Amino acid sequence: MVDAVGPGPDVLTGALAWRPLTAADLPLLGRWLAEPRVRRWWHHETSPEAVARDFGPSVRGEEPGEDLVVLLDGRPVGLLQRCRIEDYPEELAELSALVDVPAGAVCIDYLLGEEALRGRGLGTRLVATAVRRTWVDHPDAPAVVVPVVAANTASRRVLEKAGFRRVAEGPLAPENPVDDPLHVVYRVDRPGTG
């Protein structure tokens, strides 16, 4: 997948693409997950063994969701996760207690691995591009639904700038146990259906 914005060194104009995560990417992913601002919200163990344990099933094609390395002008800069919510029954049940989750709805999550790339519009651009590509890659997906821990205001702003609307809030198990369970749920509908 390549965004048609075109090449260039700036995060707002550089070519944005992604590809499936591979075993060779796991050391880099471990470094990104250890970066303090990423670690705060993703809360993953970062040892090579833990990263292989947590992301190996995706690399081997054993996971229904997608783990995708985000590329800016061909250089790895982050991770995009995308999945059909119904492929994860526990998450579907928990989220459905707060909001209607239509059949075929997709969820995304993302991280930018380098501090220097944050706060410059790349996260918003990544999310907006991921949504546009979801309509092509998942033609039966009626919506993208994303729960975000309420305290993660930066991620919430990215979703809002990318066109998501707030549709619910309530308790969900947080990724990081230090967080309050309060989450805000955002949704964007396939054009022409919402």
N, C-alpha and C. Protein backbone atom coordinates (compact mmCIF):
# COMPACT_ATOMS: atom_id res chain seq x y z
N MET A 1 0.84 -1.17 0.00
CA MET A 1 0.00 0.00 0.00
C MET A 1 0.88 1.23 0.00
N VAL A 2 0.63 2.18 -0.88
CA VAL A 2 1.35 3.44 -0.89
C VAL A 2 0.34 4.57 -0.99
N ASP A 3 0.50 5.57 -0.15
CA ASP A 3 -0.34 6.76 -0.19
C ASP A 3 0.12 7.60 -1.38
N ALA A 4 -0.80 8.18 -2.11
CA ALA A 4 -0.46 8.92 -3.32
C ALA A 4 0.05 10.33 -3.06
N VAL A 5 0.34 10.68 -1.81
CA VAL A 5 0.80 12.04 -1.52
C VAL A 5 2.12 12.33 -2.20
N GLY A 6 3.00 11.36 -2.32
CA GLY A 6 4.24 11.55 -3.05
C GLY A 6 5.46 11.57 -2.17
N PRO A 7 6.64 11.49 -2.77
CA PRO A 7 7.88 11.43 -2.00
C PRO A 7 8.26 12.78 -1.40
N GLY A 8 9.15 12.74 -0.41
CA GLY A 8 9.64 13.95 0.22
C GLY A 8 10.09 13.67 1.62
N PRO A 9 10.98 14.49 2.18
CA PRO A 9 11.54 14.22 3.50
C PRO A 9 10.63 14.61 4.65
N ASP A 10 9.65 15.42 4.43
CA ASP A 10 8.79 15.90 5.52
C ASP A 10 7.70 14.88 5.83
N VAL A 11 7.31 14.77 7.10
CA VAL A 11 6.29 13.78 7.48
C VAL A 11 4.94 14.07 6.85
N LEU A 12 4.71 15.31 6.45
CA LEU A 12 3.42 15.63 5.85
C LEU A 12 3.39 15.38 4.35
N THR A 13 4.56 15.21 3.73
CA THR A 13 4.58 14.98 2.29
C THR A 13 5.32 13.72 1.88
N GLY A 14 6.05 13.10 2.79
CA GLY A 14 6.79 11.88 2.45
C GLY A 14 5.85 10.75 2.10
N ALA A 15 6.32 9.82 1.27
CA ALA A 15 5.51 8.68 0.86
C ALA A 15 5.25 7.79 2.07
N LEU A 16 4.00 7.55 2.34
CA LEU A 16 3.57 6.74 3.47
C LEU A 16 3.08 5.39 2.94
N ALA A 17 3.61 4.32 3.50
CA ALA A 17 3.24 2.96 3.09
C ALA A 17 3.34 2.05 4.30
N TRP A 18 2.95 0.79 4.12
CA TRP A 18 3.17 -0.22 5.16
C TRP A 18 3.27 -1.58 4.51
N ARG A 19 3.84 -2.48 5.31
CA ARG A 19 4.02 -3.87 4.87
C ARG A 19 3.88 -4.76 6.10
N PRO A 20 3.63 -6.05 5.89
CA PRO A 20 3.50 -6.95 7.05
C PRO A 20 4.77 -6.99 7.89
N LEU A 21 4.59 -7.07 9.18
CA LEU A 21 5.68 -7.25 10.14
C LEU A 21 6.36 -8.59 9.86
N THR A 22 7.70 -8.62 9.91
CA THR A 22 8.45 -9.86 9.72
C THR A 22 9.30 -10.12 10.96
N ALA A 23 9.85 -11.31 11.04
CA ALA A 23 10.73 -11.65 12.16
C ALA A 23 11.93 -10.71 12.23
N ALA A 24 12.41 -10.25 11.09
CA ALA A 24 13.55 -9.33 11.06
C ALA A 24 13.22 -7.97 11.67
N ASP A 25 11.92 -7.63 11.76
CA ASP A 25 11.50 -6.35 12.34
C ASP A 25 11.39 -6.38 13.86
N LEU A 26 11.42 -7.57 14.45
CA LEU A 26 11.15 -7.67 15.89
C LEU A 26 12.14 -6.91 16.76
N PRO A 27 13.45 -6.90 16.46
CA PRO A 27 14.36 -6.08 17.29
C PRO A 27 14.02 -4.59 17.24
N LEU A 28 13.68 -4.08 16.05
CA LEU A 28 13.29 -2.68 15.93
C LEU A 28 11.99 -2.42 16.69
N LEU A 29 11.02 -3.31 16.56
CA LEU A 29 9.77 -3.16 17.29
C LEU A 29 10.03 -3.15 18.79
N GLY A 30 10.93 -4.00 19.26
CA GLY A 30 11.28 -4.01 20.68
C GLY A 30 11.84 -2.66 21.13
N ARG A 31 12.66 -2.03 20.29
CA ARG A 31 13.18 -0.70 20.63
C ARG A 31 12.06 0.33 20.68
N TRP A 32 11.16 0.25 19.71
CA TRP A 32 10.03 1.20 19.73
C TRP A 32 9.18 1.00 20.97
N LEU A 33 8.90 -0.24 21.32
CA LEU A 33 8.05 -0.50 22.50
C LEU A 33 8.73 -0.07 23.79
N ALA A 34 10.04 -0.01 23.80
CA ALA A 34 10.78 0.44 24.99
C ALA A 34 10.88 1.96 25.09
N GLU A 35 10.58 2.67 24.01
CA GLU A 35 10.64 4.13 24.03
C GLU A 35 9.60 4.63 25.03
N PRO A 36 9.97 5.55 25.94
CA PRO A 36 9.07 5.91 27.05
C PRO A 36 7.65 6.31 26.67
N ARG A 37 7.45 7.12 25.65
CA ARG A 37 6.08 7.53 25.31
C ARG A 37 5.28 6.40 24.69
N VAL A 38 5.94 5.49 23.99
CA VAL A 38 5.25 4.32 23.46
C VAL A 38 4.93 3.37 24.61
N ARG A 39 5.92 3.10 25.44
CA ARG A 39 5.74 2.18 26.57
C ARG A 39 4.59 2.63 27.47
N ARG A 40 4.43 3.93 27.64
CA ARG A 40 3.36 4.44 28.50
C ARG A 40 1.98 3.91 28.07
N TRP A 41 1.74 3.87 26.77
CA TRP A 41 0.40 3.49 26.31
C TRP A 41 0.30 2.06 25.82
N TRP A 42 1.39 1.48 25.32
CA TRP A 42 1.33 0.12 24.80
C TRP A 42 1.63 -0.91 25.89
N HIS A 43 2.44 -0.60 26.85
CA HIS A 43 2.68 -1.44 28.02
C HIS A 43 2.99 -2.90 27.66
N HIS A 44 4.00 -3.08 26.82
CA HIS A 44 4.46 -4.41 26.44
C HIS A 44 5.82 -4.68 27.07
N GLU A 45 6.08 -5.94 27.36
CA GLU A 45 7.44 -6.33 27.71
C GLU A 45 8.30 -6.14 26.46
N THR A 46 9.55 -5.74 26.67
CA THR A 46 10.37 -5.39 25.50
C THR A 46 11.59 -6.29 25.29
N SER A 47 11.74 -7.33 26.09
CA SER A 47 12.86 -8.25 25.85
C SER A 47 12.65 -8.92 24.50
N PRO A 48 13.72 -9.37 23.85
CA PRO A 48 13.56 -10.06 22.57
C PRO A 48 12.60 -11.26 22.66
N GLU A 49 12.68 -11.99 23.78
CA GLU A 49 11.80 -13.16 23.96
C GLU A 49 10.34 -12.74 24.06
N ALA A 50 10.07 -11.65 24.79
CA ALA A 50 8.69 -11.19 24.96
C ALA A 50 8.12 -10.65 23.65
N VAL A 51 8.92 -9.89 22.91
CA VAL A 51 8.46 -9.36 21.62
C VAL A 51 8.18 -10.52 20.66
N ALA A 52 9.05 -11.52 20.63
CA ALA A 52 8.82 -12.69 19.78
C ALA A 52 7.57 -13.45 20.22
N ARG A 53 7.36 -13.57 21.51
CA ARG A 53 6.17 -14.26 22.03
C ARG A 53 4.90 -13.52 21.64
N ASP A 54 4.90 -12.19 21.80
CA ASP A 54 3.69 -11.40 21.57
C ASP A 54 3.39 -11.14 20.09
N PHE A 55 4.43 -11.01 19.27
CA PHE A 55 4.23 -10.66 17.87
C PHE A 55 4.56 -11.80 16.91
N GLY A 56 5.19 -12.86 17.41
CA GLY A 56 5.51 -14.01 16.57
C GLY A 56 4.30 -14.63 15.89
N PRO A 57 3.17 -14.81 16.59
CA PRO A 57 2.01 -15.39 15.92
C PRO A 57 1.56 -14.58 14.70
N SER A 58 1.65 -13.27 14.79
CA SER A 58 1.29 -12.44 13.63
C SER A 58 2.28 -12.63 12.49
N VAL A 59 3.57 -12.64 12.83
CA VAL A 59 4.62 -12.84 11.83
C VAL A 59 4.41 -14.17 11.11
N ARG A 60 4.01 -15.20 11.84
CA ARG A 60 3.83 -16.54 11.26
C ARG A 60 2.45 -16.73 10.61
N GLY A 61 1.61 -15.71 10.63
CA GLY A 61 0.29 -15.82 10.02
C GLY A 61 -0.71 -16.58 10.85
N GLU A 62 -0.45 -16.71 12.15
CA GLU A 62 -1.35 -17.45 13.04
C GLU A 62 -2.37 -16.55 13.72
N GLU A 63 -2.32 -15.29 13.45
CA GLU A 63 -3.16 -14.29 14.11
C GLU A 63 -4.13 -13.72 13.07
N PRO A 64 -5.42 -13.54 13.39
CA PRO A 64 -6.34 -13.01 12.38
C PRO A 64 -6.11 -11.53 12.07
N GLY A 65 -5.54 -10.77 13.01
CA GLY A 65 -5.28 -9.36 12.78
C GLY A 65 -4.00 -9.13 12.01
N GLU A 66 -3.80 -7.89 11.61
CA GLU A 66 -2.60 -7.50 10.86
C GLU A 66 -1.69 -6.65 11.72
N ASP A 67 -0.41 -6.96 11.75
CA ASP A 67 0.62 -6.10 12.31
C ASP A 67 1.44 -5.62 11.13
N LEU A 68 1.45 -4.32 10.91
CA LEU A 68 2.05 -3.73 9.71
C LEU A 68 3.10 -2.71 10.08
N VAL A 69 4.27 -2.80 9.48
CA VAL A 69 5.34 -1.83 9.69
C VAL A 69 5.03 -0.62 8.83
N VAL A 70 4.95 0.54 9.47
CA VAL A 70 4.69 1.80 8.76
C VAL A 70 6.01 2.33 8.21
N LEU A 71 5.99 2.71 6.94
CA LEU A 71 7.18 3.22 6.26
C LEU A 71 6.94 4.66 5.82
N LEU A 72 7.91 5.51 6.07
CA LEU A 72 7.89 6.88 5.58
C LEU A 72 9.07 7.02 4.65
N ASP A 73 8.80 7.27 3.38
CA ASP A 73 9.85 7.30 2.35
C ASP A 73 10.71 6.04 2.42
N GLY A 74 10.06 4.88 2.68
CA GLY A 74 10.74 3.60 2.70
C GLY A 74 11.42 3.25 4.01
N ARG A 75 11.43 4.17 4.97
CA ARG A 75 12.10 3.94 6.25
C ARG A 75 11.08 3.54 7.30
N PRO A 76 11.30 2.45 8.05
CA PRO A 76 10.36 2.04 9.10
C PRO A 76 10.28 3.10 10.20
N VAL A 77 9.03 3.52 10.51
CA VAL A 77 8.84 4.56 11.53
C VAL A 77 7.80 4.19 12.58
N GLY A 78 7.06 3.10 12.37
CA GLY A 78 6.02 2.78 13.34
C GLY A 78 5.31 1.48 13.01
N LEU A 79 4.26 1.24 13.77
CA LEU A 79 3.46 0.01 13.65
C LEU A 79 2.00 0.39 13.55
N LEU A 80 1.30 -0.27 12.63
CA LEU A 80 -0.14 -0.15 12.50
C LEU A 80 -0.73 -1.54 12.72
N GLN A 81 -1.70 -1.63 13.63
CA GLN A 81 -2.43 -2.88 13.82
C GLN A 81 -3.84 -2.67 13.31
N ARG A 82 -4.35 -3.68 12.61
CA ARG A 82 -5.71 -3.60 12.08
C ARG A 82 -6.34 -4.98 12.19
N CYS A 83 -7.58 -5.02 12.66
CA CYS A 83 -8.26 -6.31 12.79
C CYS A 83 -9.76 -6.13 12.71
N ARG A 84 -10.42 -7.23 12.35
CA ARG A 84 -11.88 -7.26 12.45
C ARG A 84 -12.19 -7.54 13.92
N ILE A 85 -13.01 -6.72 14.51
CA ILE A 85 -13.28 -6.83 15.95
C ILE A 85 -13.88 -8.19 16.28
N GLU A 86 -14.72 -8.72 15.43
CA GLU A 86 -15.38 -9.99 15.72
C GLU A 86 -14.41 -11.17 15.74
N ASP A 87 -13.20 -10.99 15.21
CA ASP A 87 -12.20 -12.05 15.27
C ASP A 87 -11.61 -12.22 16.67
N TYR A 88 -11.94 -11.32 17.57
CA TYR A 88 -11.46 -11.36 18.96
C TYR A 88 -12.69 -11.30 19.87
N PRO A 89 -13.33 -12.46 20.12
CA PRO A 89 -14.62 -12.49 20.83
C PRO A 89 -14.63 -11.80 22.20
N GLU A 90 -13.55 -11.91 22.96
CA GLU A 90 -13.53 -11.26 24.28
C GLU A 90 -13.57 -9.75 24.15
N GLU A 91 -12.78 -9.21 23.23
CA GLU A 91 -12.78 -7.77 23.01
C GLU A 91 -14.12 -7.30 22.45
N LEU A 92 -14.71 -8.10 21.56
CA LEU A 92 -16.02 -7.77 21.01
C LEU A 92 -17.07 -7.69 22.11
N ALA A 93 -17.08 -8.67 23.00
CA ALA A 93 -18.06 -8.68 24.10
C ALA A 93 -17.87 -7.47 25.00
N GLU A 94 -16.63 -7.17 25.34
CA GLU A 94 -16.37 -6.04 26.23
C GLU A 94 -16.78 -4.72 25.57
N LEU A 95 -16.42 -4.53 24.32
CA LEU A 95 -16.74 -3.29 23.61
C LEU A 95 -18.23 -3.17 23.35
N SER A 96 -18.89 -4.30 23.06
CA SER A 96 -20.33 -4.29 22.79
C SER A 96 -21.15 -3.88 24.00
N ALA A 97 -20.58 -3.99 25.19
CA ALA A 97 -21.28 -3.53 26.39
C ALA A 97 -21.38 -2.01 26.42
N LEU A 98 -20.54 -1.33 25.65
CA LEU A 98 -20.54 0.14 25.62
C LEU A 98 -21.20 0.73 24.39
N VAL A 99 -21.09 0.02 23.26
CA VAL A 99 -21.52 0.61 22.00
C VAL A 99 -21.90 -0.50 21.02
N ASP A 100 -22.78 -0.18 20.08
CA ASP A 100 -23.11 -1.13 19.02
C ASP A 100 -21.88 -1.32 18.14
N VAL A 101 -21.48 -2.57 17.96
CA VAL A 101 -20.35 -2.89 17.09
C VAL A 101 -20.92 -3.65 15.90
N PRO A 102 -21.01 -3.00 14.74
CA PRO A 102 -21.62 -3.68 13.59
C PRO A 102 -20.77 -4.85 13.10
N ALA A 103 -21.43 -5.85 12.56
CA ALA A 103 -20.71 -7.00 12.00
C ALA A 103 -19.73 -6.51 10.95
N GLY A 104 -18.50 -7.02 11.01
CA GLY A 104 -17.47 -6.65 10.05
C GLY A 104 -16.69 -5.39 10.40
N ALA A 105 -17.03 -4.75 11.52
CA ALA A 105 -16.32 -3.53 11.92
C ALA A 105 -14.85 -3.85 12.19
N VAL A 106 -14.00 -2.89 11.89
CA VAL A 106 -12.56 -3.02 12.03
C VAL A 106 -12.08 -2.09 13.14
N CYS A 107 -11.01 -2.49 13.80
CA CYS A 107 -10.36 -1.66 14.82
C CYS A 107 -8.92 -1.44 14.38
N ILE A 108 -8.37 -0.27 14.68
CA ILE A 108 -6.96 0.00 14.40
C ILE A 108 -6.28 0.48 15.67
N ASP A 109 -4.98 0.32 15.69
CA ASP A 109 -4.12 0.88 16.72
C ASP A 109 -2.80 1.20 16.04
N TYR A 110 -2.04 2.11 16.59
CA TYR A 110 -0.81 2.51 15.93
C TYR A 110 0.17 3.06 16.94
N LEU A 111 1.43 3.09 16.52
CA LEU A 111 2.46 3.77 17.30
C LEU A 111 3.47 4.35 16.32
N LEU A 112 4.03 5.47 16.69
CA LEU A 112 5.17 6.05 15.98
C LEU A 112 6.37 5.82 16.87
N GLY A 113 7.38 5.15 16.35
CA GLY A 113 8.49 4.70 17.15
C GLY A 113 9.53 5.75 17.48
N GLU A 114 9.52 6.87 16.78
CA GLU A 114 10.54 7.89 17.00
C GLU A 114 9.92 9.17 17.52
N GLU A 115 10.45 9.65 18.61
CA GLU A 115 9.97 10.88 19.24
C GLU A 115 9.94 12.05 18.26
N ALA A 116 10.97 12.16 17.42
CA ALA A 116 11.08 13.30 16.50
C ALA A 116 9.94 13.35 15.48
N LEU A 117 9.24 12.25 15.27
CA LEU A 117 8.15 12.23 14.30
C LEU A 117 6.79 12.58 14.90
N ARG A 118 6.72 12.65 16.21
CA ARG A 118 5.43 12.92 16.87
C ARG A 118 5.14 14.41 16.91
N GLY A 119 3.86 14.73 16.92
CA GLY A 119 3.44 16.13 17.03
C GLY A 119 3.60 16.91 15.74
N ARG A 120 3.77 16.21 14.62
CA ARG A 120 3.98 16.88 13.34
C ARG A 120 2.92 16.50 12.30
N GLY A 121 1.87 15.82 12.73
CA GLY A 121 0.79 15.46 11.82
C GLY A 121 0.88 14.07 11.21
N LEU A 122 1.97 13.34 11.47
CA LEU A 122 2.12 12.03 10.87
C LEU A 122 1.11 11.03 11.43
N GLY A 123 0.83 11.08 12.72
CA GLY A 123 -0.15 10.17 13.31
C GLY A 123 -1.52 10.36 12.68
N THR A 124 -1.94 11.60 12.52
CA THR A 124 -3.23 11.89 11.89
C THR A 124 -3.24 11.40 10.46
N ARG A 125 -2.17 11.66 9.75
CA ARG A 125 -2.07 11.22 8.36
C ARG A 125 -2.10 9.70 8.26
N LEU A 126 -1.39 9.02 9.16
CA LEU A 126 -1.38 7.57 9.18
C LEU A 126 -2.78 7.02 9.43
N VAL A 127 -3.48 7.55 10.43
CA VAL A 127 -4.82 7.06 10.75
C VAL A 127 -5.79 7.32 9.60
N ALA A 128 -5.76 8.51 9.02
CA ALA A 128 -6.65 8.81 7.90
C ALA A 128 -6.37 7.90 6.71
N THR A 129 -5.10 7.64 6.43
CA THR A 129 -4.74 6.75 5.33
C THR A 129 -5.17 5.32 5.64
N ALA A 130 -4.99 4.88 6.87
CA ALA A 130 -5.41 3.53 7.27
C ALA A 130 -6.91 3.35 7.09
N VAL A 131 -7.68 4.37 7.42
CA VAL A 131 -9.13 4.28 7.25
C VAL A 131 -9.47 4.18 5.76
N ARG A 132 -8.88 5.04 4.93
CA ARG A 132 -9.16 4.98 3.49
C ARG A 132 -8.81 3.61 2.92
N ARG A 133 -7.66 3.07 3.34
CA ARG A 133 -7.24 1.76 2.84
C ARG A 133 -8.13 0.64 3.38
N THR A 134 -8.68 0.83 4.57
CA THR A 134 -9.58 -0.19 5.13
C THR A 134 -10.81 -0.36 4.26
N TRP A 135 -11.32 0.72 3.71
CA TRP A 135 -12.52 0.60 2.85
C TRP A 135 -12.19 -0.23 1.61
N VAL A 136 -10.94 -0.18 1.13
CA VAL A 136 -10.52 -0.96 -0.04
C VAL A 136 -10.16 -2.39 0.36
N ASP A 137 -9.34 -2.51 1.41
CA ASP A 137 -8.83 -3.82 1.83
C ASP A 137 -9.89 -4.70 2.48
N HIS A 138 -10.89 -4.08 3.08
CA HIS A 138 -11.98 -4.80 3.77
C HIS A 138 -13.31 -4.26 3.25
N PRO A 139 -13.71 -4.65 2.04
CA PRO A 139 -14.89 -4.05 1.42
C PRO A 139 -16.20 -4.30 2.16
N ASP A 140 -16.22 -5.26 3.09
CA ASP A 140 -17.44 -5.50 3.87
C ASP A 140 -17.44 -4.76 5.20
N ALA A 141 -16.38 -4.02 5.52
CA ALA A 141 -16.31 -3.30 6.80
C ALA A 141 -17.18 -2.05 6.75
N PRO A 142 -18.21 -1.98 7.60
CA PRO A 142 -19.08 -0.80 7.59
C PRO A 142 -18.51 0.38 8.39
N ALA A 143 -17.56 0.08 9.29
CA ALA A 143 -17.07 1.13 10.19
C ALA A 143 -15.73 0.73 10.77
N VAL A 144 -15.00 1.73 11.23
CA VAL A 144 -13.79 1.53 12.03
C VAL A 144 -14.13 2.05 13.42
N VAL A 145 -13.98 1.21 14.43
CA VAL A 145 -14.32 1.55 15.81
C VAL A 145 -13.06 1.41 16.65
N VAL A 146 -12.73 2.47 17.40
CA VAL A 146 -11.47 2.49 18.14
C VAL A 146 -11.72 2.95 19.58
N PRO A 147 -11.49 2.07 20.57
CA PRO A 147 -11.53 2.50 21.97
C PRO A 147 -10.15 3.02 22.38
N VAL A 148 -10.14 4.12 23.11
CA VAL A 148 -8.88 4.73 23.57
C VAL A 148 -9.03 5.04 25.04
N VAL A 149 -8.02 4.69 25.84
CA VAL A 149 -8.06 5.04 27.24
C VAL A 149 -8.23 6.56 27.34
N ALA A 150 -9.14 7.00 28.19
CA ALA A 150 -9.52 8.42 28.25
C ALA A 150 -8.32 9.33 28.50
N ALA A 151 -7.35 8.87 29.25
CA ALA A 151 -6.19 9.70 29.59
C ALA A 151 -5.26 9.93 28.40
N ASN A 152 -5.39 9.16 27.33
CA ASN A 152 -4.50 9.31 26.17
C ASN A 152 -5.05 10.39 25.24
N THR A 153 -4.91 11.63 25.68
CA THR A 153 -5.47 12.75 24.92
C THR A 153 -4.82 12.92 23.56
N ALA A 154 -3.53 12.62 23.43
CA ALA A 154 -2.87 12.77 22.12
C ALA A 154 -3.50 11.83 21.10
N SER A 155 -3.73 10.58 21.46
CA SER A 155 -4.33 9.63 20.53
C SER A 155 -5.77 10.03 20.22
N ARG A 156 -6.47 10.52 21.20
CA ARG A 156 -7.85 10.96 20.97
C ARG A 156 -7.88 12.13 19.99
N ARG A 157 -6.95 13.07 20.12
CA ARG A 157 -6.89 14.20 19.18
C ARG A 157 -6.58 13.72 17.76
N VAL A 158 -5.68 12.75 17.64
CA VAL A 158 -5.35 12.21 16.32
C VAL A 158 -6.60 11.64 15.67
N LEU A 159 -7.35 10.83 16.41
CA LEU A 159 -8.57 10.24 15.85
C LEU A 159 -9.57 11.31 15.43
N GLU A 160 -9.75 12.32 16.27
CA GLU A 160 -10.71 13.39 15.95
C GLU A 160 -10.26 14.15 14.71
N LYS A 161 -8.97 14.46 14.60
CA LYS A 161 -8.46 15.17 13.41
C LYS A 161 -8.58 14.31 12.16
N ALA A 162 -8.55 12.98 12.32
CA ALA A 162 -8.66 12.07 11.18
C ALA A 162 -10.12 11.79 10.81
N GLY A 163 -11.08 12.44 11.47
CA GLY A 163 -12.48 12.32 11.09
C GLY A 163 -13.33 11.39 11.93
N PHE A 164 -12.78 10.82 13.01
CA PHE A 164 -13.57 9.95 13.89
C PHE A 164 -14.48 10.81 14.76
N ARG A 165 -15.61 10.23 15.14
CA ARG A 165 -16.49 10.91 16.09
C ARG A 165 -16.60 10.07 17.36
N ARG A 166 -16.74 10.76 18.46
CA ARG A 166 -16.88 10.10 19.76
C ARG A 166 -18.30 9.53 19.84
N VAL A 167 -18.40 8.22 20.14
CA VAL A 167 -19.71 7.58 20.16
C VAL A 167 -20.08 6.99 21.52
N ALA A 168 -19.12 6.83 22.41
CA ALA A 168 -19.43 6.24 23.72
C ALA A 168 -18.24 6.43 24.65
N GLU A 169 -18.49 6.19 25.91
CA GLU A 169 -17.40 6.09 26.88
C GLU A 169 -17.84 5.16 27.99
N GLY A 170 -16.86 4.54 28.63
CA GLY A 170 -17.16 3.62 29.71
C GLY A 170 -15.96 2.78 30.04
N PRO A 171 -16.12 1.86 30.98
CA PRO A 171 -14.97 1.06 31.44
C PRO A 171 -14.63 -0.09 30.49
N LEU A 172 -13.34 -0.20 30.19
CA LEU A 172 -12.77 -1.33 29.46
C LEU A 172 -11.44 -1.66 30.14
N ALA A 173 -11.01 -2.89 30.06
CA ALA A 173 -9.73 -3.26 30.67
C ALA A 173 -8.61 -2.45 30.01
N PRO A 174 -7.86 -1.67 30.79
CA PRO A 174 -6.79 -0.88 30.19
C PRO A 174 -5.58 -1.73 29.84
N GLU A 175 -4.85 -1.31 28.81
CA GLU A 175 -3.60 -1.98 28.43
C GLU A 175 -2.58 -1.87 29.55
N ASN A 176 -2.51 -0.68 30.14
CA ASN A 176 -1.57 -0.43 31.23
C ASN A 176 -2.34 -0.43 32.55
N PRO A 177 -1.98 -1.28 33.50
CA PRO A 177 -2.74 -1.36 34.75
C PRO A 177 -2.73 -0.09 35.58
N VAL A 178 -1.86 0.87 35.28
CA VAL A 178 -1.87 2.13 36.03
C VAL A 178 -3.01 3.03 35.57
N ASP A 179 -3.63 2.73 34.42
CA ASP A 179 -4.69 3.58 33.88
C ASP A 179 -6.03 3.25 34.50
N ASP A 180 -6.85 4.27 34.61
CA ASP A 180 -8.25 4.12 34.96
C ASP A 180 -8.91 3.35 33.80
N PRO A 181 -9.91 2.53 34.08
CA PRO A 181 -10.56 1.80 32.99
C PRO A 181 -11.39 2.66 32.03
N LEU A 182 -11.61 3.94 32.36
CA LEU A 182 -12.43 4.78 31.49
C LEU A 182 -11.81 4.90 30.10
N HIS A 183 -12.59 4.53 29.10
CA HIS A 183 -12.19 4.63 27.70
C HIS A 183 -13.20 5.50 26.95
N VAL A 184 -12.74 6.12 25.89
CA VAL A 184 -13.60 6.83 24.96
C VAL A 184 -13.58 6.02 23.66
N VAL A 185 -14.76 5.81 23.10
CA VAL A 185 -14.87 5.01 21.88
C VAL A 185 -15.17 5.95 20.71
N TYR A 186 -14.37 5.79 19.64
CA TYR A 186 -14.52 6.60 18.44
C TYR A 186 -14.93 5.71 17.27
N ARG A 187 -15.60 6.33 16.31
CA ARG A 187 -16.08 5.57 15.15
C ARG A 187 -16.06 6.46 13.91
N VAL A 188 -15.74 5.85 12.79
CA VAL A 188 -15.91 6.48 11.49
C VAL A 188 -16.59 5.45 10.61
N ASP A 189 -17.62 5.88 9.88
CA ASP A 189 -18.37 4.97 9.02
C ASP A 189 -17.88 5.03 7.58
N ARG A 190 -18.04 3.93 6.89
CA ARG A 190 -17.73 3.88 5.46
C ARG A 190 -18.51 5.00 4.76
N PRO A 191 -17.87 5.75 3.90
CA PRO A 191 -18.58 6.83 3.20
C PRO A 191 -19.84 6.31 2.51
N GLY A 192 -20.90 7.07 2.66
CA GLY A 192 -22.16 6.70 2.03
C GLY A 192 -23.02 5.76 2.84
N THR A 193 -22.53 5.30 4.03
CA THR A 193 -23.33 4.37 4.83
C THR A 193 -23.69 4.93 6.19
N GLY A 194 -23.02 5.98 6.66
CA GLY A 194 -23.22 6.49 8.02
C GLY A 194 -24.23 7.48 8.10
